Amino acid sequence: MAVVVCGGLGGVMEAACRGAKAAGGETIGILPGDDPTAANPHVDTAIATGIGHARNALVAMNGDAVVAIGGAAGTLSEIGFAGVFDRPVAGIGTHDVSGIESVETPEEAVEYVERAVG
């Protein structure tokens, strides 16, 4: 069974949690604020941090790999932390940074991550 660790809010994070739940996985949301009820409805375990974007380090650290989808500066910081913590990164339409395995679909991202973490 897979566990998805993400920022726990809406958008791509909510879609990832929804997909993980549909596939029988578990979800952990590491939230930027101090209110655990701010998590999207598909988060099983909400961790309120109160540390804003600094929580991105915790997101990258607590997964075996990172899947980056689109994104702006927050996604870029998670990619950077993935490098610091030596986590493989699959990217879909995201930043053009060394070390990212560019893939086209979520299925390809999962396949890459599964191969990379063995």
PDB file of N, CA and C in Angstrom:
ATOM      1  N   MET A   1       0.843  -1.177   0.000  1.00  0.00           N
ATOM      2  CA  MET A   1       0.000   0.000   0.000  1.00  0.00           C
ATOM      3  C   MET A   1       0.885   1.236   0.000  1.00  0.00           C
ATOM      4  N   ALA A   2       0.492   2.223  -0.765  1.00  0.00           N
ATOM      5  CA  ALA A   2       1.229   3.475  -0.839  1.00  0.00           C
ATOM      6  C   ALA A   2       0.635   4.503   0.116  1.00  0.00           C
ATOM      7  N   VAL A   3       1.505   5.372   0.594  1.00  0.00           N
ATOM      8  CA  VAL A   3       1.089   6.506   1.416  1.00  0.00           C
ATOM      9  C   VAL A   3       1.521   7.764   0.684  1.00  0.00           C
ATOM     10  N   VAL A   4       0.589   8.670   0.455  1.00  0.00           N
ATOM     11  CA  VAL A   4       0.892   9.946  -0.185  1.00  0.00           C
ATOM     12  C   VAL A   4       1.098  10.983   0.901  1.00  0.00           C
ATOM     13  N   VAL A   5       2.236  11.658   0.840  1.00  0.00           N
ATOM     14  CA  VAL A   5       2.532  12.773   1.737  1.00  0.00           C
ATOM     15  C   VAL A   5       2.510  14.024   0.882  1.00  0.00           C
ATOM     16  N   CYS A   6       1.692  14.999   1.265  1.00  0.00           N
ATOM     17  CA  CYS A   6       1.604  16.223   0.474  1.00  0.00           C
ATOM     18  C   CYS A   6       1.326  17.405   1.397  1.00  0.00           C
ATOM     19  N   GLY A   7       1.142  18.560   0.787  1.00  0.00           N
ATOM     20  CA  GLY A   7       0.862  19.764   1.548  1.00  0.00           C
ATOM     21  C   GLY A   7      -0.535  19.836   2.122  1.00  0.00           C
ATOM     22  N   GLY A   8      -1.406  18.904   1.719  1.00  0.00           N
ATOM     23  CA  GLY A   8      -2.708  18.741   2.354  1.00  0.00           C
ATOM     24  C   GLY A   8      -3.811  19.709   1.992  1.00  0.00           C
ATOM     25  N   LEU A   9      -3.540  20.648   1.099  1.00  0.00           N
ATOM     26  CA  LEU A   9      -4.571  21.634   0.761  1.00  0.00           C
ATOM     27  C   LEU A   9      -5.286  21.239  -0.528  1.00  0.00           C
ATOM     28  N   GLY A  10      -5.693  22.220  -1.346  1.00  0.00           N
ATOM     29  CA  GLY A  10      -6.488  21.954  -2.540  1.00  0.00           C
ATOM     30  C   GLY A  10      -5.651  21.769  -3.791  1.00  0.00           C
ATOM     31  N   GLY A  11      -6.304  21.869  -4.938  1.00  0.00           N
ATOM     32  CA  GLY A  11      -5.626  21.769  -6.231  1.00  0.00           C
ATOM     33  C   GLY A  11      -5.007  20.408  -6.466  1.00  0.00           C
ATOM     34  N   VAL A  12      -3.750  20.421  -6.906  1.00  0.00           N
ATOM     35  CA  VAL A  12      -3.035  19.178  -7.201  1.00  0.00           C
ATOM     36  C   VAL A  12      -2.934  18.310  -5.950  1.00  0.00           C
ATOM     37  N   MET A  13      -2.746  18.945  -4.788  1.00  0.00           N
ATOM     38  CA  MET A  13      -2.634  18.179  -3.537  1.00  0.00           C
ATOM     39  C   MET A  13      -3.922  17.406  -3.264  1.00  0.00           C
ATOM     40  N   GLU A  14      -5.046  18.046  -3.465  1.00  0.00           N
ATOM     41  CA  GLU A  14      -6.328  17.375  -3.241  1.00  0.00           C
ATOM     42  C   GLU A  14      -6.538  16.263  -4.263  1.00  0.00           C
ATOM     43  N   ALA A  15      -6.175  16.528  -5.517  1.00  0.00           N
ATOM     44  CA  ALA A  15      -6.325  15.503  -6.560  1.00  0.00           C
ATOM     45  C   ALA A  15      -5.451  14.285  -6.247  1.00  0.00           C
ATOM     46  N   ALA A  16      -4.234  14.521  -5.773  1.00  0.00           N
ATOM     47  CA  ALA A  16      -3.347  13.409  -5.424  1.00  0.00           C
ATOM     48  C   ALA A  16      -3.934  12.586  -4.282  1.00  0.00           C
ATOM     49  N   CYS A  17      -4.478  13.266  -3.289  1.00  0.00           N
ATOM     50  CA  CYS A  17      -5.094  12.559  -2.157  1.00  0.00           C
ATOM     51  C   CYS A  17      -6.330  11.776  -2.603  1.00  0.00           C
ATOM     52  N   ARG A  18      -7.134  12.377  -3.443  1.00  0.00           N
ATOM     53  CA  ARG A  18      -8.335  11.710  -3.937  1.00  0.00           C
ATOM     54  C   ARG A  18      -7.952  10.445  -4.703  1.00  0.00           C
ATOM     55  N   GLY A  19      -6.941  10.554  -5.567  1.00  0.00           N
ATOM     56  CA  GLY A  19      -6.486   9.392  -6.327  1.00  0.00           C
ATOM     57  C   GLY A  19      -5.905   8.310  -5.437  1.00  0.00           C
ATOM     58  N   ALA A  20      -5.130   8.718  -4.444  1.00  0.00           N
ATOM     59  CA  ALA A  20      -4.542   7.739  -3.522  1.00  0.00           C
ATOM     60  C   ALA A  20      -5.631   6.990  -2.767  1.00  0.00           C
ATOM     61  N   LYS A  21      -6.631   7.719  -2.280  1.00  0.00           N
ATOM     62  CA  LYS A  21      -7.731   7.085  -1.551  1.00  0.00           C
ATOM     63  C   LYS A  21      -8.503   6.125  -2.463  1.00  0.00           C
ATOM     64  N   ALA A  22      -8.737   6.525  -3.707  1.00  0.00           N
ATOM     65  CA  ALA A  22      -9.467   5.672  -4.645  1.00  0.00           C
ATOM     66  C   ALA A  22      -8.713   4.371  -4.927  1.00  0.00           C
ATOM     67  N   ALA A  23      -7.377   4.423  -4.833  1.00  0.00           N
ATOM     68  CA  ALA A  23      -6.557   3.235  -5.082  1.00  0.00           C
ATOM     69  C   ALA A  23      -6.279   2.442  -3.808  1.00  0.00           C
ATOM     70  N   GLY A  24      -6.909   2.836  -2.696  1.00  0.00           N
ATOM     71  CA  GLY A  24      -6.737   2.101  -1.451  1.00  0.00           C
ATOM     72  C   GLY A  24      -5.548   2.543  -0.617  1.00  0.00           C
ATOM     73  N   GLY A  25      -4.958   3.688  -0.952  1.00  0.00           N
ATOM     74  CA  GLY A  25      -3.808   4.181  -0.206  1.00  0.00           C
ATOM     75  C   GLY A  25      -4.202   5.062   0.963  1.00  0.00           C
ATOM     76  N   GLU A  26      -3.197   5.520   1.674  1.00  0.00           N
ATOM     77  CA  GLU A  26      -3.396   6.437   2.787  1.00  0.00           C
ATOM     78  C   GLU A  26      -2.807   7.788   2.423  1.00  0.00           C
ATOM     79  N   THR A  27      -3.260   8.842   3.114  1.00  0.00           N
ATOM     80  CA  THR A  27      -2.793  10.183   2.811  1.00  0.00           C
ATOM     81  C   THR A  27      -2.426  10.938   4.081  1.00  0.00           C
ATOM     82  N   ILE A  28      -1.342  11.691   3.970  1.00  0.00           N
ATOM     83  CA  ILE A  28      -0.886  12.555   5.058  1.00  0.00           C
ATOM     84  C   ILE A  28      -0.752  13.957   4.479  1.00  0.00           C
ATOM     85  N   GLY A  29      -1.359  14.918   5.133  1.00  0.00           N
ATOM     86  CA  GLY A  29      -1.244  16.312   4.713  1.00  0.00           C
ATOM     87  C   GLY A  29      -0.441  17.092   5.734  1.00  0.00           C
ATOM     88  N   ILE A  30       0.696  17.644   5.301  1.00  0.00           N
ATOM     89  CA  ILE A  30       1.527  18.473   6.176  1.00  0.00           C
ATOM     90  C   ILE A  30       1.175  19.922   5.846  1.00  0.00           C
ATOM     91  N   LEU A  31       0.369  20.516   6.690  1.00  0.00           N
ATOM     92  CA  LEU A  31      -0.263  21.804   6.412  1.00  0.00           C
ATOM     93  C   LEU A  31       0.622  22.989   6.790  1.00  0.00           C
ATOM     94  N   PRO A  32       0.508  24.077   6.038  1.00  0.00           N
ATOM     95  CA  PRO A  32       1.307  25.264   6.354  1.00  0.00           C
ATOM     96  C   PRO A  32       0.805  26.017   7.580  1.00  0.00           C
ATOM     97  N   GLY A  33      -0.470  25.927   7.859  1.00  0.00           N
ATOM     98  CA  GLY A  33      -1.067  26.687   8.947  1.00  0.00           C
ATOM     99  C   GLY A  33      -1.198  25.891  10.230  1.00  0.00           C
ATOM    100  N   ASP A  34      -1.914  26.493  11.175  1.00  0.00           N
ATOM    101  CA  ASP A  34      -2.051  25.856  12.487  1.00  0.00           C
ATOM    102  C   ASP A  34      -3.413  25.203  12.705  1.00  0.00           C
ATOM    103  N   ASP A  35      -4.194  25.047  11.640  1.00  0.00           N
ATOM    104  CA  ASP A  35      -5.532  24.484  11.744  1.00  0.00           C
ATOM    105  C   ASP A  35      -5.626  23.172  10.970  1.00  0.00           C
ATOM    106  N   PRO A  36      -5.649  22.029  11.648  1.00  0.00           N
ATOM    107  CA  PRO A  36      -5.720  20.749  10.938  1.00  0.00           C
ATOM    108  C   PRO A  36      -7.006  20.567  10.142  1.00  0.00           C
ATOM    109  N   THR A  37      -8.065  21.306  10.484  1.00  0.00           N
ATOM    110  CA  THR A  37      -9.314  21.171   9.725  1.00  0.00           C
ATOM    111  C   THR A  37      -9.233  21.851   8.365  1.00  0.00           C
ATOM    112  N   ALA A  38      -8.138  22.542   8.065  1.00  0.00           N
ATOM    113  CA  ALA A  38      -7.954  23.171   6.755  1.00  0.00           C
ATOM    114  C   ALA A  38      -7.569  22.147   5.685  1.00  0.00           C
ATOM    115  N   ALA A  39      -7.270  20.921   6.081  1.00  0.00           N
ATOM    116  CA  ALA A  39      -6.877  19.877   5.130  1.00  0.00           C
ATOM    117  C   ALA A  39      -8.024  19.559   4.190  1.00  0.00           C
ATOM    118  N   ASN A  40      -7.667  19.126   2.988  1.00  0.00           N
ATOM    119  CA  ASN A  40      -8.703  18.711   2.041  1.00  0.00           C
ATOM    120  C   ASN A  40      -9.397  17.461   2.578  1.00  0.00           C
ATOM    121  N   PRO A  41     -10.606  17.166   2.093  1.00  0.00           N
ATOM    122  CA  PRO A  41     -11.388  16.073   2.674  1.00  0.00           C
ATOM    123  C   PRO A  41     -10.832  14.671   2.441  1.00  0.00           C
ATOM    124  N   HIS A  42      -9.778  14.553   1.629  1.00  0.00           N
ATOM    125  CA  HIS A  42      -9.205  13.238   1.324  1.00  0.00           C
ATOM    126  C   HIS A  42      -7.952  12.949   2.148  1.00  0.00           C
ATOM    127  N   VAL A  43      -7.612  13.833   3.081  1.00  0.00           N
ATOM    128  CA  VAL A  43      -6.451  13.636   3.943  1.00  0.00           C
ATOM    129  C   VAL A  43      -6.854  12.773   5.141  1.00  0.00           C
ATOM    130  N   ASP A  44      -6.133  11.667   5.346  1.00  0.00           N
ATOM    131  CA  ASP A  44      -6.394  10.807   6.500  1.00  0.00           C
ATOM    132  C   ASP A  44      -5.770  11.381   7.769  1.00  0.00           C
ATOM    133  N   THR A  45      -4.541  11.836   7.653  1.00  0.00           N
ATOM    134  CA  THR A  45      -3.821  12.382   8.799  1.00  0.00           C
ATOM    135  C   THR A  45      -3.361  13.787   8.453  1.00  0.00           C
ATOM    136  N   ALA A  46      -3.905  14.760   9.159  1.00  0.00           N
ATOM    137  CA  ALA A  46      -3.530  16.160   8.947  1.00  0.00           C
ATOM    138  C   ALA A  46      -2.552  16.588  10.032  1.00  0.00           C
ATOM    139  N   ILE A  47      -1.434  17.164   9.597  1.00  0.00           N
ATOM    140  CA  ILE A  47      -0.423  17.644  10.532  1.00  0.00           C
ATOM    141  C   ILE A  47      -0.319  19.156  10.353  1.00  0.00           C
ATOM    142  N   ALA A  48      -0.841  19.893  11.306  1.00  0.00           N
ATOM    143  CA  ALA A  48      -0.749  21.351  11.282  1.00  0.00           C
ATOM    144  C   ALA A  48       0.632  21.752  11.777  1.00  0.00           C
ATOM    145  N   THR A  49       1.307  22.650  11.042  1.00  0.00           N
ATOM    146  CA  THR A  49       2.667  23.024  11.414  1.00  0.00           C
ATOM    147  C   THR A  49       2.793  24.476  11.859  1.00  0.00           C
ATOM    148  N   GLY A  50       1.990  25.361  11.285  1.00  0.00           N
ATOM    149  CA  GLY A  50       2.128  26.779  11.588  1.00  0.00           C
ATOM    150  C   GLY A  50       3.405  27.398  11.062  1.00  0.00           C
ATOM    151  N   ILE A  51       4.094  26.733  10.129  1.00  0.00           N
ATOM    152  CA  ILE A  51       5.377  27.242   9.635  1.00  0.00           C
ATOM    153  C   ILE A  51       5.349  27.665   8.170  1.00  0.00           C
ATOM    154  N   GLY A  52       4.170  27.775   7.591  1.00  0.00           N
ATOM    155  CA  GLY A  52       4.064  28.244   6.209  1.00  0.00           C
ATOM    156  C   GLY A  52       4.779  27.339   5.223  1.00  0.00           C
ATOM    157  N   HIS A  53       5.426  27.977   4.242  1.00  0.00           N
ATOM    158  CA  HIS A  53       6.103  27.209   3.188  1.00  0.00           C
ATOM    159  C   HIS A  53       7.313  26.422   3.699  1.00  0.00           C
ATOM    160  N   ALA A  54       7.784  26.723   4.886  1.00  0.00           N
ATOM    161  CA  ALA A  54       8.892  25.939   5.443  1.00  0.00           C
ATOM    162  C   ALA A  54       8.488  24.477   5.594  1.00  0.00           C
ATOM    163  N   ARG A  55       7.179  24.209   5.608  1.00  0.00           N
ATOM    164  CA  ARG A  55       6.721  22.829   5.711  1.00  0.00           C
ATOM    165  C   ARG A  55       7.091  22.032   4.475  1.00  0.00           C
ATOM    166  N   ASN A  56       7.481  22.681   3.374  1.00  0.00           N
ATOM    167  CA  ASN A  56       7.849  21.954   2.154  1.00  0.00           C
ATOM    168  C   ASN A  56       9.023  21.015   2.396  1.00  0.00           C
ATOM    169  N   ALA A  57       9.918  21.395   3.294  1.00  0.00           N
ATOM    170  CA  ALA A  57      11.026  20.496   3.639  1.00  0.00           C
ATOM    171  C   ALA A  57      10.495  19.216   4.261  1.00  0.00           C
ATOM    172  N   LEU A  58       9.481  19.332   5.101  1.00  0.00           N
ATOM    173  CA  LEU A  58       8.895  18.160   5.760  1.00  0.00           C
ATOM    174  C   LEU A  58       8.170  17.271   4.765  1.00  0.00           C
ATOM    175  N   VAL A  59       7.525  17.875   3.773  1.00  0.00           N
ATOM    176  CA  VAL A  59       6.832  17.093   2.742  1.00  0.00           C
ATOM    177  C   VAL A  59       7.842  16.238   1.995  1.00  0.00           C
ATOM    178  N   ALA A  60       8.925  16.849   1.524  1.00  0.00           N
ATOM    179  CA  ALA A  60       9.931  16.104   0.760  1.00  0.00           C
ATOM    180  C   ALA A  60      10.658  15.079   1.623  1.00  0.00           C
ATOM    181  N   MET A  61      10.942  15.424   2.857  1.00  0.00           N
ATOM    182  CA  MET A  61      11.689  14.533   3.750  1.00  0.00           C
ATOM    183  C   MET A  61      10.904  13.273   4.100  1.00  0.00           C
ATOM    184  N   ASN A  62       9.595  13.380   4.192  1.00  0.00           N
ATOM    185  CA  ASN A  62       8.784  12.270   4.685  1.00  0.00           C
ATOM    186  C   ASN A  62       8.223  11.363   3.613  1.00  0.00           C
ATOM    187  N   GLY A  63       8.660  11.533   2.383  1.00  0.00           N
ATOM    188  CA  GLY A  63       8.297  10.609   1.318  1.00  0.00           C
ATOM    189  C   GLY A  63       9.535   9.895   0.805  1.00  0.00           C
ATOM    190  N   ASP A  64       9.328   8.788   0.144  1.00  0.00           N
ATOM    191  CA  ASP A  64      10.443   8.067  -0.469  1.00  0.00           C
ATOM    192  C   ASP A  64      10.831   8.676  -1.809  1.00  0.00           C
ATOM    193  N   ALA A  65       9.911   9.425  -2.406  1.00  0.00           N
ATOM    194  CA  ALA A  65      10.129  10.065  -3.705  1.00  0.00           C
ATOM    195  C   ALA A  65       9.185  11.261  -3.785  1.00  0.00           C
ATOM    196  N   VAL A  66       9.407  12.083  -4.807  1.00  0.00           N
ATOM    197  CA  VAL A  66       8.577  13.261  -5.012  1.00  0.00           C
ATOM    198  C   VAL A  66       7.999  13.217  -6.428  1.00  0.00           C
ATOM    199  N   VAL A  67       6.718  13.537  -6.532  1.00  0.00           N
ATOM    200  CA  VAL A  67       6.082  13.742  -7.827  1.00  0.00           C
ATOM    201  C   VAL A  67       5.705  15.212  -7.888  1.00  0.00           C
ATOM    202  N   ALA A  68       6.307  15.935  -8.818  1.00  0.00           N
ATOM    203  CA  ALA A  68       6.046  17.363  -8.980  1.00  0.00           C
ATOM    204  C   ALA A  68       5.170  17.569 -10.199  1.00  0.00           C
ATOM    205  N   ILE A  69       4.062  18.275 -10.005  1.00  0.00           N
ATOM    206  CA  ILE A  69       3.119  18.527 -11.096  1.00  0.00           C
ATOM    207  C   ILE A  69       2.921  20.022 -11.214  1.00  0.00           C
ATOM    208  N   GLY A  70       3.327  20.568 -12.375  1.00  0.00           N
ATOM    209  CA  GLY A  70       3.178  22.004 -12.587  1.00  0.00           C
ATOM    210  C   GLY A  70       3.860  22.763 -11.476  1.00  0.00           C
ATOM    211  N   GLY A  71       3.189  23.810 -11.018  1.00  0.00           N
ATOM    212  CA  GLY A  71       3.642  24.486  -9.821  1.00  0.00           C
ATOM    213  C   GLY A  71       4.476  25.727 -10.038  1.00  0.00           C
ATOM    214  N   ALA A  72       4.636  26.431  -8.956  1.00  0.00           N
ATOM    215  CA  ALA A  72       5.398  27.668  -8.935  1.00  0.00           C
ATOM    216  C   ALA A  72       6.546  27.514  -7.934  1.00  0.00           C
ATOM    217  N   ALA A  73       6.793  28.532  -7.150  1.00  0.00           N
ATOM    218  CA  ALA A  73       7.939  28.537  -6.243  1.00  0.00           C
ATOM    219  C   ALA A  73       7.846  27.459  -5.171  1.00  0.00           C
ATOM    220  N   GLY A  74       6.644  27.194  -4.648  1.00  0.00           N
ATOM    221  CA  GLY A  74       6.498  26.159  -3.627  1.00  0.00           C
ATOM    222  C   GLY A  74       6.882  24.788  -4.147  1.00  0.00           C
ATOM    223  N   THR A  75       6.440  24.478  -5.359  1.00  0.00           N
ATOM    224  CA  THR A  75       6.808  23.198  -5.975  1.00  0.00           C
ATOM    225  C   THR A  75       8.311  23.144  -6.210  1.00  0.00           C
ATOM    226  N   LEU A  76       8.873  24.259  -6.656  1.00  0.00           N
ATOM    227  CA  LEU A  76      10.313  24.303  -6.892  1.00  0.00           C
ATOM    228  C   LEU A  76      11.084  24.064  -5.593  1.00  0.00           C
ATOM    229  N   SER A  77      10.595  24.604  -4.482  1.00  0.00           N
ATOM    230  CA  SER A  77      11.289  24.376  -3.208  1.00  0.00           C
ATOM    231  C   SER A  77      11.210  22.899  -2.813  1.00  0.00           C
ATOM    232  N   GLU A  78      10.082  22.247  -3.063  1.00  0.00           N
ATOM    233  CA  GLU A  78       9.977  20.818  -2.754  1.00  0.00           C
ATOM    234  C   GLU A  78      10.923  20.006  -3.632  1.00  0.00           C
ATOM    235  N   ILE A  79      11.080  20.395  -4.890  1.00  0.00           N
ATOM    236  CA  ILE A  79      12.039  19.727  -5.770  1.00  0.00           C
ATOM    237  C   ILE A  79      13.454  19.909  -5.214  1.00  0.00           C
ATOM    238  N   GLY A  80      13.764  21.119  -4.762  1.00  0.00           N
ATOM    239  CA  GLY A  80      15.078  21.377  -4.179  1.00  0.00           C
ATOM    240  C   GLY A  80      15.320  20.534  -2.943  1.00  0.00           C
ATOM    241  N   PHE A  81      14.327  20.458  -2.071  1.00  0.00           N
ATOM    242  CA  PHE A  81      14.481  19.632  -0.874  1.00  0.00           C
ATOM    243  C   PHE A  81      14.588  18.156  -1.232  1.00  0.00           C
ATOM    244  N   ALA A  82      13.909  17.725  -2.283  1.00  0.00           N
ATOM    245  CA  ALA A  82      14.052  16.336  -2.726  1.00  0.00           C
ATOM    246  C   ALA A  82      15.508  16.049  -3.072  1.00  0.00           C
ATOM    247  N   GLY A  83      16.173  17.012  -3.702  1.00  0.00           N
ATOM    248  CA  GLY A  83      17.598  16.857  -4.001  1.00  0.00           C
ATOM    249  C   GLY A  83      18.438  16.802  -2.737  1.00  0.00           C
ATOM    250  N   VAL A  84      18.140  17.645  -1.787  1.00  0.00           N
ATOM    251  CA  VAL A  84      18.869  17.671  -0.519  1.00  0.00           C
ATOM    252  C   VAL A  84      18.735  16.327   0.200  1.00  0.00           C
ATOM    253  N   PHE A  85      17.525  15.755   0.178  1.00  0.00           N
ATOM    254  CA  PHE A  85      17.257  14.512   0.891  1.00  0.00           C
ATOM    255  C   PHE A  85      17.435  13.276   0.004  1.00  0.00           C
ATOM    256  N   ASP A  86      17.986  13.476  -1.191  1.00  0.00           N
ATOM    257  CA  ASP A  86      18.278  12.380  -2.120  1.00  0.00           C
ATOM    258  C   ASP A  86      17.048  11.550  -2.459  1.00  0.00           C
ATOM    259  N   ARG A  87      15.959  12.237  -2.775  1.00  0.00           N
ATOM    260  CA  ARG A  87      14.726  11.575  -3.189  1.00  0.00           C
ATOM    261  C   ARG A  87      14.600  11.668  -4.708  1.00  0.00           C
ATOM    262  N   PRO A  88      14.213  10.592  -5.379  1.00  0.00           N
ATOM    263  CA  PRO A  88      13.961  10.680  -6.820  1.00  0.00           C
ATOM    264  C   PRO A  88      12.752  11.576  -7.079  1.00  0.00           C
ATOM    265  N   VAL A  89      12.766  12.258  -8.224  1.00  0.00           N
ATOM    266  CA  VAL A  89      11.686  13.178  -8.578  1.00  0.00           C
ATOM    267  C   VAL A  89      11.163  12.855  -9.962  1.00  0.00           C
ATOM    268  N   ALA A  90       9.848  12.636 -10.057  1.00  0.00           N
ATOM    269  CA  ALA A  90       9.160  12.537 -11.341  1.00  0.00           C
ATOM    270  C   ALA A  90       8.426  13.856 -11.542  1.00  0.00           C
ATOM    271  N   GLY A  91       8.532  14.424 -12.731  1.00  0.00           N
ATOM    272  CA  GLY A  91       7.907  15.708 -12.984  1.00  0.00           C
ATOM    273  C   GLY A  91       6.967  15.679 -14.165  1.00  0.00           C
ATOM    274  N   ILE A  92       5.790  16.257 -13.972  1.00  0.00           N
ATOM    275  CA  ILE A  92       4.799  16.391 -15.048  1.00  0.00           C
ATOM    276  C   ILE A  92       4.585  17.878 -15.277  1.00  0.00           C
ATOM    277  N   GLY A  93       5.075  18.387 -16.403  1.00  0.00           N
ATOM    278  CA  GLY A  93       4.871  19.792 -16.733  1.00  0.00           C
ATOM    279  C   GLY A  93       5.367  20.734 -15.663  1.00  0.00           C
ATOM    280  N   THR A  94       6.500  20.417 -15.069  1.00  0.00           N
ATOM    281  CA  THR A  94       7.008  21.231 -13.969  1.00  0.00           C
ATOM    282  C   THR A  94       8.320  21.885 -14.359  1.00  0.00           C
ATOM    283  N   HIS A  95       9.048  22.335 -13.399  1.00  0.00           N
ATOM    284  CA  HIS A  95      10.289  23.079 -13.610  1.00  0.00           C
ATOM    285  C   HIS A  95      11.331  22.224 -14.331  1.00  0.00           C
ATOM    286  N   ASP A  96      12.117  22.881 -15.186  1.00  0.00           N
ATOM    287  CA  ASP A  96      13.187  22.214 -15.925  1.00  0.00           C
ATOM    288  C   ASP A  96      14.457  22.286 -15.083  1.00  0.00           C
ATOM    289  N   VAL A  97      14.615  21.306 -14.216  1.00  0.00           N
ATOM    290  CA  VAL A  97      15.721  21.274 -13.262  1.00  0.00           C
ATOM    291  C   VAL A  97      16.429  19.932 -13.387  1.00  0.00           C
ATOM    292  N   SER A  98      17.729  19.958 -13.264  1.00  0.00           N
ATOM    293  CA  SER A  98      18.502  18.725 -13.302  1.00  0.00           C
ATOM    294  C   SER A  98      18.018  17.763 -12.221  1.00  0.00           C
ATOM    295  N   GLY A  99      17.936  16.487 -12.577  1.00  0.00           N
ATOM    296  CA  GLY A  99      17.553  15.469 -11.609  1.00  0.00           C
ATOM    297  C   GLY A  99      16.090  15.080 -11.647  1.00  0.00           C
ATOM    298  N   ILE A 100      15.305  15.755 -12.475  1.00  0.00           N
ATOM    299  CA  ILE A 100      13.884  15.414 -12.578  1.00  0.00           C
ATOM    300  C   ILE A 100      13.681  14.465 -13.752  1.00  0.00           C
ATOM    301  N   GLU A 101      12.991  13.378 -13.504  1.00  0.00           N
ATOM    302  CA  GLU A 101      12.595  12.452 -14.567  1.00  0.00           C
ATOM    303  C   GLU A 101      11.286  12.977 -15.140  1.00  0.00           C
ATOM    304  N   SER A 102      11.353  13.516 -16.344  1.00  0.00           N
ATOM    305  CA  SER A 102      10.161  14.079 -16.975  1.00  0.00           C
ATOM    306  C   SER A 102       9.257  12.956 -17.474  1.00  0.00           C
ATOM    307  N   VAL A 103       7.999  12.994 -17.066  1.00  0.00           N
ATOM    308  CA  VAL A 103       7.008  12.012 -17.490  1.00  0.00           C
ATOM    309  C   VAL A 103       5.768  12.751 -17.979  1.00  0.00           C
ATOM    310  N   GLU A 104       4.907  12.050 -18.675  1.00  0.00           N
ATOM    311  CA  GLU A 104       3.729  12.688 -19.275  1.00  0.00           C
ATOM    312  C   GLU A 104       2.448  12.498 -18.470  1.00  0.00           C
ATOM    313  N   THR A 105       2.353  11.403 -17.727  1.00  0.00           N
ATOM    314  CA  THR A 105       1.090  11.089 -17.061  1.00  0.00           C
ATOM    315  C   THR A 105       1.325  10.721 -15.595  1.00  0.00           C
ATOM    316  N   PRO A 106       0.279  10.809 -14.784  1.00  0.00           N
ATOM    317  CA  PRO A 106       0.417  10.339 -13.399  1.00  0.00           C
ATOM    318  C   PRO A 106       0.810   8.868 -13.310  1.00  0.00           C
ATOM    319  N   GLU A 107       0.298   8.059 -14.221  1.00  0.00           N
ATOM    320  CA  GLU A 107       0.650   6.636 -14.213  1.00  0.00           C
ATOM    321  C   GLU A 107       2.145   6.445 -14.446  1.00  0.00           C
ATOM    322  N   GLU A 108       2.713   7.205 -15.387  1.00  0.00           N
ATOM    323  CA  GLU A 108       4.153   7.124 -15.630  1.00  0.00           C
ATOM    324  C   GLU A 108       4.939   7.605 -14.415  1.00  0.00           C
ATOM    325  N   ALA A 109       4.433   8.608 -13.722  1.00  0.00           N
ATOM    326  CA  ALA A 109       5.101   9.110 -12.517  1.00  0.00           C
ATOM    327  C   ALA A 109       5.144   8.023 -11.453  1.00  0.00           C
ATOM    328  N   VAL A 110       4.024   7.340 -11.242  1.00  0.00           N
ATOM    329  CA  VAL A 110       3.975   6.265 -10.249  1.00  0.00           C
ATOM    330  C   VAL A 110       4.918   5.132 -10.645  1.00  0.00           C
ATOM    331  N   GLU A 111       4.929   4.771 -11.920  1.00  0.00           N
ATOM    332  CA  GLU A 111       5.824   3.711 -12.385  1.00  0.00           C
ATOM    333  C   GLU A 111       7.286   4.088 -12.133  1.00  0.00           C
ATOM    334  N   TYR A 112       7.657   5.333 -12.443  1.00  0.00           N
ATOM    335  CA  TYR A 112       9.022   5.774 -12.215  1.00  0.00           C
ATOM    336  C   TYR A 112       9.372   5.712 -10.732  1.00  0.00           C
ATOM    337  N   VAL A 113       8.495   6.237  -9.898  1.00  0.00           N
ATOM    338  CA  VAL A 113       8.742   6.263  -8.447  1.00  0.00           C
ATOM    339  C   VAL A 113       8.888   4.848  -7.907  1.00  0.00           C
ATOM    340  N   GLU A 114       8.039   3.945  -8.333  1.00  0.00           N
ATOM    341  CA  GLU A 114       8.119   2.558  -7.851  1.00  0.00           C
ATOM    342  C   GLU A 114       9.438   1.922  -8.247  1.00  0.00           C
ATOM    343  N   ARG A 115       9.891   2.181  -9.481  1.00  0.00           N
ATOM    344  CA  ARG A 115      11.193   1.641  -9.925  1.00  0.00           C
ATOM    345  C   ARG A 115      12.330   2.283  -9.134  1.00  0.00           C
ATOM    346  N   ALA A 116      12.236   3.580  -8.930  1.00  0.00           N
ATOM    347  CA  ALA A 116      13.340   4.321  -8.304  1.00  0.00           C
ATOM    348  C   ALA A 116      13.540   3.948  -6.825  1.00  0.00           C
ATOM    349  N   VAL A 117      12.453   3.644  -6.129  1.00  0.00           N
ATOM    350  CA  VAL A 117      12.582   3.327  -4.707  1.00  0.00           C
ATOM    351  C   VAL A 117      12.636   1.823  -4.450  1.00  0.00           C
ATOM    352  N   GLY A 118      12.425   1.050  -5.517  1.00  0.00           N
ATOM    353  CA  GLY A 118      12.575  -0.393  -5.452  1.00  0.00           C
ATOM    354  C   GLY A 118      11.606  -1.072  -4.604  1.00  0.00           C
TER     355      GLY A 118
END
